[in-house]
């Protein structure tokens, strides 16, 4: 198990925003849902390849810039595609991610 990695300072995440982050040669998207729960997911929409960092969070759903929507809890999209999700939590002053 790799443990938890500090990914993005909490101050960098605002309501409805999605922030890009790279680690280990891969790219991810980080956001907070409407309950303040952090989420880490694959950076690109699996349906159209659009960067999710350009998307929008509404409630517990992320919408890519081209309109595909994914449930942040299950990764299931309204288009039949599924996006990769990774464990995330709020640490002392950053969102932390685990790949373990």
PDB file of N, CA and C in Angstrom:
ATOM      1  N   UNK A   1       0.836  -1.182   0.000  1.00  0.00           N
ATOM      2  CA  UNK A   1       0.000   0.000   0.000  1.00  0.00           C
ATOM      3  C   UNK A   1       0.884   1.249   0.000  1.00  0.00           C
ATOM      4  N   UNK A   2       0.528   2.222  -0.799  1.00  0.00           N
ATOM      5  CA  UNK A   2       1.344   3.419  -0.914  1.00  0.00           C
ATOM      6  C   UNK A   2       0.995   4.481   0.111  1.00  0.00           C
ATOM      7  N   UNK A   3      -0.087   4.366   0.816  1.00  0.00           N
ATOM      8  CA  UNK A   3      -0.491   5.396   1.766  1.00  0.00           C
ATOM      9  C   UNK A   3      -1.175   6.556   1.073  1.00  0.00           C
ATOM     10  N   UNK A   4      -1.223   7.665   1.768  1.00  0.00           N
ATOM     11  CA  UNK A   4      -1.901   8.854   1.271  1.00  0.00           C
ATOM     12  C   UNK A   4      -0.885   9.885   0.787  1.00  0.00           C
ATOM     13  N   UNK A   5      -1.182  10.503  -0.360  1.00  0.00           N
ATOM     14  CA  UNK A   5      -0.317  11.491  -0.982  1.00  0.00           C
ATOM     15  C   UNK A   5      -1.042  12.825  -1.002  1.00  0.00           C
ATOM     16  N   UNK A   6      -0.414  13.881  -0.482  1.00  0.00           N
ATOM     17  CA  UNK A   6      -1.003  15.214  -0.562  1.00  0.00           C
ATOM     18  C   UNK A   6      -1.020  15.639  -2.026  1.00  0.00           C
ATOM     19  N   UNK A   7      -2.202  15.920  -2.541  1.00  0.00           N
ATOM     20  CA  UNK A   7      -2.352  16.205  -3.957  1.00  0.00           C
ATOM     21  C   UNK A   7      -2.531  17.689  -4.257  1.00  0.00           C
ATOM     22  N   UNK A   8      -3.562  18.286  -3.715  1.00  0.00           N
ATOM     23  CA  UNK A   8      -3.909  19.666  -4.035  1.00  0.00           C
ATOM     24  C   UNK A   8      -4.259  20.396  -2.740  1.00  0.00           C
ATOM     25  N   UNK A   9      -3.708  21.592  -2.527  1.00  0.00           N
ATOM     26  CA  UNK A   9      -4.096  22.361  -1.344  1.00  0.00           C
ATOM     27  C   UNK A   9      -5.604  22.628  -1.340  1.00  0.00           C
ATOM     28  N   UNK A  10      -6.215  22.553  -0.172  1.00  0.00           N
ATOM     29  CA  UNK A  10      -7.652  22.801  -0.071  1.00  0.00           C
ATOM     30  C   UNK A  10      -8.038  24.159  -0.636  1.00  0.00           C
ATOM     31  N   UNK A  11      -7.170  25.143  -0.485  1.00  0.00           N
ATOM     32  CA  UNK A  11      -7.463  26.485  -0.989  1.00  0.00           C
ATOM     33  C   UNK A  11      -7.605  26.519  -2.510  1.00  0.00           C
ATOM     34  N   UNK A  12      -7.072  25.511  -3.205  1.00  0.00           N
ATOM     35  CA  UNK A  12      -7.154  25.474  -4.665  1.00  0.00           C
ATOM     36  C   UNK A  12      -8.491  24.936  -5.168  1.00  0.00           C
ATOM     37  N   UNK A  13      -9.280  24.346  -4.283  1.00  0.00           N
ATOM     38  CA  UNK A  13     -10.571  23.776  -4.686  1.00  0.00           C
ATOM     39  C   UNK A  13     -11.702  24.685  -4.241  1.00  0.00           C
ATOM     40  N   UNK A  14     -12.503  25.094  -5.201  1.00  0.00           N
ATOM     41  CA  UNK A  14     -13.670  25.917  -4.915  1.00  0.00           C
ATOM     42  C   UNK A  14     -14.911  25.164  -5.364  1.00  0.00           C
ATOM     43  N   UNK A  15     -16.064  25.601  -4.877  1.00  0.00           N
ATOM     44  CA  UNK A  15     -17.320  24.965  -5.254  1.00  0.00           C
ATOM     45  C   UNK A  15     -17.443  24.864  -6.767  1.00  0.00           C
ATOM     46  N   UNK A  16     -17.840  23.690  -7.221  1.00  0.00           N
ATOM     47  CA  UNK A  16     -18.113  23.389  -8.624  1.00  0.00           C
ATOM     48  C   UNK A  16     -16.878  23.303  -9.504  1.00  0.00           C
ATOM     49  N   UNK A  17     -15.691  23.631  -8.987  1.00  0.00           N
ATOM     50  CA  UNK A  17     -14.474  23.589  -9.798  1.00  0.00           C
ATOM     51  C   UNK A  17     -13.854  22.196  -9.811  1.00  0.00           C
ATOM     52  N   UNK A  18     -13.123  21.925 -10.876  1.00  0.00           N
ATOM     53  CA  UNK A  18     -12.367  20.689 -11.018  1.00  0.00           C
ATOM     54  C   UNK A  18     -10.924  21.089 -11.312  1.00  0.00           C
ATOM     55  N   UNK A  19      -9.979  20.520 -10.552  1.00  0.00           N
ATOM     56  CA  UNK A  19      -8.568  20.871 -10.669  1.00  0.00           C
ATOM     57  C   UNK A  19      -7.800  19.674 -11.220  1.00  0.00           C
ATOM     58  N   UNK A  20      -6.915  19.923 -12.176  1.00  0.00           N
ATOM     59  CA  UNK A  20      -6.057  18.871 -12.700  1.00  0.00           C
ATOM     60  C   UNK A  20      -4.852  18.650 -11.805  1.00  0.00           C
ATOM     61  N   UNK A  21      -4.368  17.400 -11.768  1.00  0.00           N
ATOM     62  CA  UNK A  21      -3.216  17.040 -10.940  1.00  0.00           C
ATOM     63  C   UNK A  21      -2.500  15.876 -11.606  1.00  0.00           C
ATOM     64  N   UNK A  22      -1.172  15.895 -11.601  1.00  0.00           N
ATOM     65  CA  UNK A  22      -0.413  14.779 -12.170  1.00  0.00           C
ATOM     66  C   UNK A  22       0.390  14.099 -11.075  1.00  0.00           C
ATOM     67  N   UNK A  23       0.526  12.782 -11.205  1.00  0.00           N
ATOM     68  CA  UNK A  23       1.303  11.989 -10.251  1.00  0.00           C
ATOM     69  C   UNK A  23       1.741  10.704 -10.941  1.00  0.00           C
ATOM     70  N   UNK A  24       3.007  10.390 -10.820  1.00  0.00           N
ATOM     71  CA  UNK A  24       3.513   9.145 -11.381  1.00  0.00           C
ATOM     72  C   UNK A  24       3.322   9.011 -12.881  1.00  0.00           C
ATOM     73  N   UNK A  25       3.357  10.130 -13.595  1.00  0.00           N
ATOM     74  CA  UNK A  25       3.218  10.093 -15.048  1.00  0.00           C
ATOM     75  C   UNK A  25       1.781  10.002 -15.539  1.00  0.00           C
ATOM     76  N   UNK A  26       0.814  10.109 -14.645  1.00  0.00           N
ATOM     77  CA  UNK A  26      -0.602  10.070 -15.043  1.00  0.00           C
ATOM     78  C   UNK A  26      -1.285  11.350 -14.594  1.00  0.00           C
ATOM     79  N   UNK A  27      -2.402  11.632 -15.226  1.00  0.00           N
ATOM     80  CA  UNK A  27      -3.162  12.839 -14.905  1.00  0.00           C
ATOM     81  C   UNK A  27      -4.500  12.471 -14.281  1.00  0.00           C
ATOM     82  N   UNK A  28      -4.910  13.298 -13.310  1.00  0.00           N
ATOM     83  CA  UNK A  28      -6.140  13.073 -12.563  1.00  0.00           C
ATOM     84  C   UNK A  28      -6.899  14.387 -12.440  1.00  0.00           C
ATOM     85  N   UNK A  29      -8.166  14.283 -12.077  1.00  0.00           N
ATOM     86  CA  UNK A  29      -8.995  15.442 -11.780  1.00  0.00           C
ATOM     87  C   UNK A  29      -9.438  15.333 -10.323  1.00  0.00           C
ATOM     88  N   UNK A  30      -9.408  16.443  -9.615  1.00  0.00           N
ATOM     89  CA  UNK A  30      -9.822  16.486  -8.212  1.00  0.00           C
ATOM     90  C   UNK A  30     -10.911  17.532  -8.042  1.00  0.00           C
ATOM     91  N   UNK A  31     -11.877  17.213  -7.167  1.00  0.00           N
ATOM     92  CA  UNK A  31     -12.967  18.146  -6.914  1.00  0.00           C
ATOM     93  C   UNK A  31     -13.608  17.832  -5.575  1.00  0.00           C
ATOM     94  N   UNK A  32     -14.464  18.740  -5.133  1.00  0.00           N
ATOM     95  CA  UNK A  32     -15.298  18.530  -3.954  1.00  0.00           C
ATOM     96  C   UNK A  32     -16.744  18.500  -4.414  1.00  0.00           C
ATOM     97  N   UNK A  33     -17.540  17.575  -3.853  1.00  0.00           N
ATOM     98  CA  UNK A  33     -18.964  17.576  -4.194  1.00  0.00           C
ATOM     99  C   UNK A  33     -19.700  18.574  -3.307  1.00  0.00           C
ATOM    100  N   UNK A  34     -21.021  18.616  -3.421  1.00  0.00           N
ATOM    101  CA  UNK A  34     -21.803  19.600  -2.680  1.00  0.00           C
ATOM    102  C   UNK A  34     -21.802  19.366  -1.169  1.00  0.00           C
ATOM    103  N   UNK A  35     -21.303  18.217  -0.723  1.00  0.00           N
ATOM    104  CA  UNK A  35     -21.197  17.929   0.707  1.00  0.00           C
ATOM    105  C   UNK A  35     -19.776  18.167   1.214  1.00  0.00           C
ATOM    106  N   UNK A  36     -18.890  18.649   0.340  1.00  0.00           N
ATOM    107  CA  UNK A  36     -17.501  18.892   0.717  1.00  0.00           C
ATOM    108  C   UNK A  36     -16.646  17.641   0.703  1.00  0.00           C
ATOM    109  N   UNK A  37     -17.168  16.553   0.135  1.00  0.00           N
ATOM    110  CA  UNK A  37     -16.426  15.303   0.029  1.00  0.00           C
ATOM    111  C   UNK A  37     -15.470  15.383  -1.155  1.00  0.00           C
ATOM    112  N   UNK A  38     -14.191  15.055  -0.957  1.00  0.00           N
ATOM    113  CA  UNK A  38     -13.239  15.115  -2.070  1.00  0.00           C
ATOM    114  C   UNK A  38     -13.340  13.887  -2.967  1.00  0.00           C
ATOM    115  N   UNK A  39     -13.028  14.091  -4.234  1.00  0.00           N
ATOM    116  CA  UNK A  39     -13.046  13.007  -5.219  1.00  0.00           C
ATOM    117  C   UNK A  39     -11.825  13.138  -6.124  1.00  0.00           C
ATOM    118  N   UNK A  40     -11.233  11.998  -6.454  1.00  0.00           N
ATOM    119  CA  UNK A  40     -10.135  11.935  -7.422  1.00  0.00           C
ATOM    120  C   UNK A  40     -10.565  10.976  -8.524  1.00  0.00           C
ATOM    121  N   UNK A  41     -10.426  11.390  -9.763  1.00  0.00           N
ATOM    122  CA  UNK A  41     -10.858  10.568 -10.886  1.00  0.00           C
ATOM    123  C   UNK A  41      -9.912  10.753 -12.062  1.00  0.00           C
ATOM    124  N   UNK A  42     -10.058   9.868 -13.038  1.00  0.00           N
ATOM    125  CA  UNK A  42      -9.246   9.998 -14.242  1.00  0.00           C
ATOM    126  C   UNK A  42      -9.463  11.382 -14.842  1.00  0.00           C
ATOM    127  N   UNK A  43      -8.430  11.936 -15.443  1.00  0.00           N
ATOM    128  CA  UNK A  43      -8.470  13.320 -15.921  1.00  0.00           C
ATOM    129  C   UNK A  43      -9.285  13.516 -17.189  1.00  0.00           C
ATOM    130  N   UNK A  44      -9.441  12.471 -17.994  1.00  0.00           N
ATOM    131  CA  UNK A  44     -10.131  12.619 -19.282  1.00  0.00           C
ATOM    132  C   UNK A  44     -11.449  11.866 -19.291  1.00  0.00           C
ATOM    133  N   UNK A  45     -12.425  12.460 -19.922  1.00  0.00           N
ATOM    134  CA  UNK A  45     -13.725  11.823 -20.111  1.00  0.00           C
ATOM    135  C   UNK A  45     -13.527  10.584 -20.986  1.00  0.00           C
ATOM    136  N   UNK A  46     -13.974   9.401 -20.541  1.00  0.00           N
ATOM    137  CA  UNK A  46     -13.770   8.202 -21.342  1.00  0.00           C
ATOM    138  C   UNK A  46     -14.609   8.171 -22.618  1.00  0.00           C
ATOM    139  N   UNK A  47     -15.618   8.999 -22.707  1.00  0.00           N
ATOM    140  CA  UNK A  47     -16.467   9.009 -23.901  1.00  0.00           C
ATOM    141  C   UNK A  47     -15.892   9.858 -25.018  1.00  0.00           C
ATOM    142  N   UNK A  48     -15.329  11.021 -24.674  1.00  0.00           N
ATOM    143  CA  UNK A  48     -14.890  11.939 -25.724  1.00  0.00           C
ATOM    144  C   UNK A  48     -13.478  12.493 -25.539  1.00  0.00           C
ATOM    145  N   UNK A  49     -12.805  12.109 -24.443  1.00  0.00           N
ATOM    146  CA  UNK A  49     -11.435  12.541 -24.203  1.00  0.00           C
ATOM    147  C   UNK A  49     -11.284  13.955 -23.679  1.00  0.00           C
ATOM    148  N   UNK A  50     -12.383  14.653 -23.434  1.00  0.00           N
ATOM    149  CA  UNK A  50     -12.314  16.024 -22.930  1.00  0.00           C
ATOM    150  C   UNK A  50     -11.697  16.047 -21.536  1.00  0.00           C
ATOM    151  N   UNK A  51     -10.950  17.088 -21.233  1.00  0.00           N
ATOM    152  CA  UNK A  51     -10.315  17.227 -19.922  1.00  0.00           C
ATOM    153  C   UNK A  51     -11.368  17.581 -18.880  1.00  0.00           C
ATOM    154  N   UNK A  52     -11.486  16.738 -17.858  1.00  0.00           N
ATOM    155  CA  UNK A  52     -12.464  16.995 -16.815  1.00  0.00           C
ATOM    156  C   UNK A  52     -12.113  18.222 -15.984  1.00  0.00           C
ATOM    157  N   UNK A  53     -10.843  18.644 -15.999  1.00  0.00           N
ATOM    158  CA  UNK A  53     -10.461  19.862 -15.284  1.00  0.00           C
ATOM    159  C   UNK A  53     -11.162  21.082 -15.875  1.00  0.00           C
ATOM    160  N   UNK A  54     -11.718  20.958 -17.035  1.00  0.00           N
ATOM    161  CA  UNK A  54     -12.498  22.038 -17.632  1.00  0.00           C
ATOM    162  C   UNK A  54     -13.985  21.860 -17.413  1.00  0.00           C
ATOM    163  N   UNK A  55     -14.335  20.878 -16.591  1.00  0.00           N
ATOM    164  CA  UNK A  55     -15.740  20.568 -16.359  1.00  0.00           C
ATOM    165  C   UNK A  55     -16.319  21.294 -15.165  1.00  0.00           C
ATOM    166  N   UNK A  56     -17.463  20.784 -14.713  1.00  0.00           N
ATOM    167  CA  UNK A  56     -18.222  21.428 -13.651  1.00  0.00           C
ATOM    168  C   UNK A  56     -18.811  20.367 -12.734  1.00  0.00           C
ATOM    169  N   UNK A  57     -18.809  20.629 -11.432  1.00  0.00           N
ATOM    170  CA  UNK A  57     -19.426  19.727 -10.464  1.00  0.00           C
ATOM    171  C   UNK A  57     -20.762  20.317 -10.046  1.00  0.00           C
ATOM    172  N   UNK A  58     -21.799  19.488 -10.121  1.00  0.00           N
ATOM    173  CA  UNK A  58     -23.135  19.886  -9.682  1.00  0.00           C
ATOM    174  C   UNK A  58     -23.634  18.791  -8.755  1.00  0.00           C
ATOM    175  N   UNK A  59     -23.723  19.093  -7.470  1.00  0.00           N
ATOM    176  CA  UNK A  59     -24.151  18.081  -6.506  1.00  0.00           C
ATOM    177  C   UNK A  59     -23.091  17.007  -6.380  1.00  0.00           C
ATOM    178  N   UNK A  60     -23.448  15.792  -6.765  1.00  0.00           N
ATOM    179  CA  UNK A  60     -22.510  14.666  -6.739  1.00  0.00           C
ATOM    180  C   UNK A  60     -22.262  14.121  -8.141  1.00  0.00           C
ATOM    181  N   UNK A  61     -22.333  15.038  -9.103  1.00  0.00           N
ATOM    182  CA  UNK A  61     -22.136  14.687 -10.514  1.00  0.00           C
ATOM    183  C   UNK A  61     -21.103  15.631 -11.102  1.00  0.00           C
ATOM    184  N   UNK A  62     -20.208  15.071 -11.922  1.00  0.00           N
ATOM    185  CA  UNK A  62     -19.265  15.896 -12.669  1.00  0.00           C
ATOM    186  C   UNK A  62     -19.676  15.850 -14.135  1.00  0.00           C
ATOM    187  N   UNK A  63     -19.638  17.007 -14.768  1.00  0.00           N
ATOM    188  CA  UNK A  63     -19.982  17.109 -16.184  1.00  0.00           C
ATOM    189  C   UNK A  63     -18.751  17.565 -16.948  1.00  0.00           C
ATOM    190  N   UNK A  64     -18.388  16.815 -17.983  1.00  0.00           N
ATOM    191  CA  UNK A  64     -17.236  17.192 -18.796  1.00  0.00           C
ATOM    192  C   UNK A  64     -17.624  18.383 -19.671  1.00  0.00           C
ATOM    193  N   UNK A  65     -16.649  19.090 -20.240  1.00  0.00           N
ATOM    194  CA  UNK A  65     -16.951  20.275 -21.048  1.00  0.00           C
ATOM    195  C   UNK A  65     -17.852  19.983 -22.254  1.00  0.00           C
ATOM    196  N   UNK A  66     -17.899  18.726 -22.682  1.00  0.00           N
ATOM    197  CA  UNK A  66     -18.728  18.384 -23.844  1.00  0.00           C
ATOM    198  C   UNK A  66     -20.075  17.780 -23.443  1.00  0.00           C
ATOM    199  N   UNK A  67     -20.384  17.776 -22.143  1.00  0.00           N
ATOM    200  CA  UNK A  67     -21.724  17.405 -21.699  1.00  0.00           C
ATOM    201  C   UNK A  67     -21.921  16.027 -21.098  1.00  0.00           C
ATOM    202  N   UNK A  68     -20.920  15.160 -21.113  1.00  0.00           N
ATOM    203  CA  UNK A  68     -21.067  13.842 -20.480  1.00  0.00           C
ATOM    204  C   UNK A  68     -21.086  14.020 -18.970  1.00  0.00           C
ATOM    205  N   UNK A  69     -21.938  13.249 -18.297  1.00  0.00           N
ATOM    206  CA  UNK A  69     -22.084  13.383 -16.848  1.00  0.00           C
ATOM    207  C   UNK A  69     -21.761  12.057 -16.160  1.00  0.00           C
ATOM    208  N   UNK A  70     -21.032  12.141 -15.022  1.00  0.00           N
ATOM    209  CA  UNK A  70     -20.613  10.956 -14.262  1.00  0.00           C
ATOM    210  C   UNK A  70     -20.934  11.133 -12.783  1.00  0.00           C
ATOM    211  N   UNK A  71     -21.448  10.077 -12.170  1.00  0.00           N
ATOM    212  CA  UNK A  71     -21.707  10.061 -10.739  1.00  0.00           C
ATOM    213  C   UNK A  71     -20.364   9.970 -10.021  1.00  0.00           C
ATOM    214  N   UNK A  72     -20.090  10.892  -9.104  1.00  0.00           N
ATOM    215  CA  UNK A  72     -18.806  10.917  -8.409  1.00  0.00           C
ATOM    216  C   UNK A  72     -18.645   9.777  -7.405  1.00  0.00           C
ATOM    217  N   UNK A  73     -19.729   9.117  -7.031  1.00  0.00           N
ATOM    218  CA  UNK A  73     -19.627   8.016  -6.066  1.00  0.00           C
ATOM    219  C   UNK A  73     -19.388   6.673  -6.748  1.00  0.00           C
ATOM    220  N   UNK A  74     -19.941   6.485  -7.933  1.00  0.00           N
ATOM    221  CA  UNK A  74     -19.825   5.191  -8.612  1.00  0.00           C
ATOM    222  C   UNK A  74     -18.956   5.243  -9.864  1.00  0.00           C
ATOM    223  N   UNK A  75     -18.784   6.425 -10.436  1.00  0.00           N
ATOM    224  CA  UNK A  75     -18.050   6.565 -11.691  1.00  0.00           C
ATOM    225  C   UNK A  75     -18.903   6.308 -12.917  1.00  0.00           C
ATOM    226  N   UNK A  76     -20.146   5.865 -12.720  1.00  0.00           N
ATOM    227  CA  UNK A  76     -21.026   5.529 -13.842  1.00  0.00           C
ATOM    228  C   UNK A  76     -21.484   6.792 -14.558  1.00  0.00           C
ATOM    229  N   UNK A  77     -21.396   6.747 -15.892  1.00  0.00           N
ATOM    230  CA  UNK A  77     -21.825   7.877 -16.702  1.00  0.00           C
ATOM    231  C   UNK A  77     -23.210   7.683 -17.266  1.00  0.00           C
ATOM    232  N   UNK A  78     -23.842   8.774 -17.643  1.00  0.00           N
ATOM    233  CA  UNK A  78     -25.169   8.692 -18.259  1.00  0.00           C
ATOM    234  C   UNK A  78     -25.070   8.237 -19.721  1.00  0.00           C
ATOM    235  N   UNK A  79     -23.851   7.971 -20.178  1.00  0.00           N
ATOM    236  CA  UNK A  79     -23.589   7.575 -21.552  1.00  0.00           C
ATOM    237  C   UNK A  79     -23.142   6.111 -21.660  1.00  0.00           C
ATOM    238  N   UNK A  80     -23.203   5.359 -20.544  1.00  0.00           N
ATOM    239  CA  UNK A  80     -22.777   3.964 -20.544  1.00  0.00           C
ATOM    240  C   UNK A  80     -21.306   3.763 -20.228  1.00  0.00           C
ATOM    241  N   UNK A  81     -20.528   4.816 -20.204  1.00  0.00           N
ATOM    242  CA  UNK A  81     -19.109   4.738 -19.861  1.00  0.00           C
ATOM    243  C   UNK A  81     -18.937   4.864 -18.353  1.00  0.00           C
ATOM    244  N   UNK A  82     -17.799   4.423 -17.867  1.00  0.00           N
ATOM    245  CA  UNK A  82     -17.467   4.539 -16.445  1.00  0.00           C
ATOM    246  C   UNK A  82     -16.095   5.195 -16.342  1.00  0.00           C
ATOM    247  N   UNK A  83     -15.962   6.089 -15.375  1.00  0.00           N
ATOM    248  CA  UNK A  83     -14.699   6.787 -15.160  1.00  0.00           C
ATOM    249  C   UNK A  83     -13.995   6.188 -13.945  1.00  0.00           C
ATOM    250  N   UNK A  84     -12.665   6.133 -13.987  1.00  0.00           N
ATOM    251  CA  UNK A  84     -11.895   5.597 -12.876  1.00  0.00           C
ATOM    252  C   UNK A  84     -11.915   6.530 -11.679  1.00  0.00           C
ATOM    253  N   UNK A  85     -12.151   5.961 -10.497  1.00  0.00           N
ATOM    254  CA  UNK A  85     -12.169   6.721  -9.245  1.00  0.00           C
ATOM    255  C   UNK A  85     -11.071   6.211  -8.321  1.00  0.00           C
ATOM    256  N   UNK A  86     -10.535   7.097  -7.495  1.00  0.00           N
ATOM    257  CA  UNK A  86      -9.461   6.747  -6.570  1.00  0.00           C
ATOM    258  C   UNK A  86      -9.804   7.312  -5.197  1.00  0.00           C
ATOM    259  N   UNK A  87      -9.458   6.601  -4.113  1.00  0.00           N
ATOM    260  CA  UNK A  87      -9.781   7.086  -2.771  1.00  0.00           C
ATOM    261  C   UNK A  87      -9.168   8.458  -2.504  1.00  0.00           C
ATOM    262  N   UNK A  88      -9.979   9.350  -1.951  1.00  0.00           N
ATOM    263  CA  UNK A  88      -9.514  10.697  -1.613  1.00  0.00           C
ATOM    264  C   UNK A  88     -10.085  11.080  -0.256  1.00  0.00           C
ATOM    265  N   UNK A  89      -9.339  11.915   0.449  1.00  0.00           N
ATOM    266  CA  UNK A  89      -9.795  12.404   1.746  1.00  0.00           C
ATOM    267  C   UNK A  89      -9.219  13.802   1.955  1.00  0.00           C
ATOM    268  N   UNK A  90      -9.772  14.499   2.934  1.00  0.00           N
ATOM    269  CA  UNK A  90      -9.248  15.807   3.288  1.00  0.00           C
ATOM    270  C   UNK A  90      -8.240  15.616   4.401  1.00  0.00           C
ATOM    271  N   UNK A  91      -7.012  16.051   4.152  1.00  0.00           N
ATOM    272  CA  UNK A  91      -5.959  16.004   5.156  1.00  0.00           C
ATOM    273  C   UNK A  91      -5.918  17.321   5.907  1.00  0.00           C
ATOM    274  N   UNK A  92      -4.800  17.591   6.523  1.00  0.00           N
ATOM    275  CA  UNK A  92      -4.672  18.803   7.337  1.00  0.00           C
ATOM    276  C   UNK A  92      -4.901  20.080   6.525  1.00  0.00           C
ATOM    277  N   UNK A  93      -4.281  20.166   5.352  1.00  0.00           N
ATOM    278  CA  UNK A  93      -4.452  21.371   4.532  1.00  0.00           C
ATOM    279  C   UNK A  93      -4.495  21.058   3.033  1.00  0.00           C
ATOM    280  N   UNK A  94      -4.730  19.774   2.697  1.00  0.00           N
ATOM    281  CA  UNK A  94      -4.753  19.373   1.288  1.00  0.00           C
ATOM    282  C   UNK A  94      -5.704  18.195   1.092  1.00  0.00           C
ATOM    283  N   UNK A  95      -6.115  18.016  -0.150  1.00  0.00           N
ATOM    284  CA  UNK A  95      -6.810  16.783  -0.515  1.00  0.00           C
ATOM    285  C   UNK A  95      -5.735  15.739  -0.710  1.00  0.00           C
ATOM    286  N   UNK A  96      -5.925  14.588  -0.092  1.00  0.00           N
ATOM    287  CA  UNK A  96      -4.964  13.488  -0.194  1.00  0.00           C
ATOM    288  C   UNK A  96      -5.592  12.340  -0.991  1.00  0.00           C
ATOM    289  N   UNK A  97      -4.756  11.642  -1.741  1.00  0.00           N
ATOM    290  CA  UNK A  97      -5.201  10.555  -2.600  1.00  0.00           C
ATOM    291  C   UNK A  97      -4.389   9.311  -2.276  1.00  0.00           C
ATOM    292  N   UNK A  98      -5.034   8.142  -2.386  1.00  0.00           N
ATOM    293  CA  UNK A  98      -4.359   6.871  -2.181  1.00  0.00           C
ATOM    294  C   UNK A  98      -4.498   6.003  -3.420  1.00  0.00           C
ATOM    295  N   UNK A  99      -3.407   5.385  -3.826  1.00  0.00           N
ATOM    296  CA  UNK A  99      -3.430   4.483  -4.970  1.00  0.00           C
ATOM    297  C   UNK A  99      -3.135   3.054  -4.525  1.00  0.00           C
ATOM    298  N   UNK A 100      -3.205   2.811  -3.227  1.00  0.00           N
ATOM    299  CA  UNK A 100      -2.842   1.533  -2.644  1.00  0.00           C
ATOM    300  C   UNK A 100      -3.798   0.445  -2.854  1.00  0.00           C
TER     301      UNK A 100
END
